[in-house]
Amino acid sequence: MPKSRSKRVKRQPPPKPSPPKGSPRWVGALFFTLLIAGVVVIIANYVGTFPDGAQNSRLWYGLLLISGSFVVATRWH
């Protein structure tokens, strides 16, 4: 026996979204590398391991590396 028109499916549900892909491995490695490099530059500046002593510009370089690592972290899934 045929189905009545009211019982027919008029709308098909949308397809299920595919699961999001993970980030490439280099994103995590770059994040930790930049973070550790920034901390090492700042600590080395305070300890005085650079030949020409402590300079404020090295602190900015270290902070730039750390902030760059946080920018990379926003791309990490």
Protein backbone atom coordinates (compact mmCIF):
# COMPACT_ATOMS: atom_id res chain seq x y z
CA MET A 1 0.00 0.00 0.00
CA PRO A 2 1.47 3.41 -0.90
CA LYS A 3 2.34 5.96 1.79
CA SER A 4 0.27 9.06 2.07
CA ARG A 5 1.84 12.39 1.17
CA SER A 6 1.89 13.59 4.78
CA LYS A 7 4.06 10.66 5.87
CA ARG A 8 6.76 11.17 3.25
CA VAL A 9 10.01 12.73 4.34
CA LYS A 10 10.16 16.19 2.81
CA ARG A 11 13.45 17.26 4.29
CA GLN A 12 16.65 15.31 4.44
CA PRO A 13 18.95 16.04 7.40
CA PRO A 14 22.31 17.59 6.57
CA PRO A 15 25.28 15.24 6.43
CA LYS A 16 27.31 14.84 9.59
CA PRO A 17 30.36 17.10 9.64
CA SER A 18 33.69 15.37 9.42
CA PRO A 19 35.82 15.51 12.56
CA PRO A 20 38.35 18.37 12.54
CA LYS A 21 41.85 17.49 11.53
CA GLY A 22 44.65 17.88 14.03
CA SER A 23 47.48 20.29 13.51
CA PRO A 24 50.70 19.20 11.85
CA ARG A 25 53.44 18.13 14.24
CA TRP A 26 55.62 21.13 13.39
CA VAL A 27 53.11 23.54 14.96
CA GLY A 28 53.59 22.07 18.43
CA ALA A 29 57.34 21.81 17.94
CA LEU A 30 57.55 25.44 16.79
CA PHE A 31 55.46 26.59 19.75
CA PHE A 32 57.72 24.93 22.32
CA THR A 33 60.90 25.94 20.47
CA LEU A 34 59.94 29.63 20.40
CA LEU A 35 58.80 29.56 24.02
CA ILE A 36 61.97 27.90 25.31
CA ALA A 37 64.22 30.08 23.13
CA GLY A 38 62.58 33.24 24.48
CA VAL A 39 63.00 32.12 28.08
CA VAL A 40 66.63 31.14 27.44
CA VAL A 41 67.41 34.54 25.88
CA ILE A 42 65.88 36.40 28.83
CA ILE A 43 67.67 34.25 31.43
CA ALA A 44 70.97 34.43 29.57
CA ASN A 45 70.65 38.22 29.45
CA TYR A 46 70.16 38.43 33.21
CA VAL A 47 72.94 35.97 33.99
CA GLY A 48 75.29 37.88 31.71
CA THR A 49 76.44 35.11 29.40
CA PHE A 50 76.54 37.41 26.37
CA PRO A 51 79.94 38.99 25.67
CA ASP A 52 78.81 42.62 25.79
CA GLY A 53 76.75 42.31 28.95
CA ALA A 54 73.06 42.74 29.60
CA GLN A 55 71.08 44.84 27.16
CA ASN A 56 67.44 45.82 27.10
CA SER A 57 67.12 44.91 23.44
CA ARG A 58 67.71 41.25 24.26
CA LEU A 59 64.83 41.34 26.70
CA TRP A 60 62.62 42.58 23.87
CA TYR A 61 63.90 39.79 21.61
CA GLY A 62 63.05 37.23 24.27
CA LEU A 63 59.59 38.71 24.77
CA LEU A 64 59.09 38.77 21.00
CA LEU A 65 59.96 35.06 20.81
CA ILE A 66 57.56 34.24 23.65
CA SER A 67 54.74 36.27 22.11
CA GLY A 68 55.43 34.58 18.76
CA SER A 69 54.99 31.23 20.47
CA PHE A 70 51.56 32.31 21.72
CA VAL A 71 50.59 33.35 18.19
CA VAL A 72 51.60 29.89 16.97
CA ALA A 73 49.61 28.35 19.84
CA THR A 74 46.41 29.84 18.44
CA ARG A 75 46.89 27.66 15.35
CA TRP A 76 47.30 24.47 17.41
CA HIS A 77 44.33 22.06 17.52
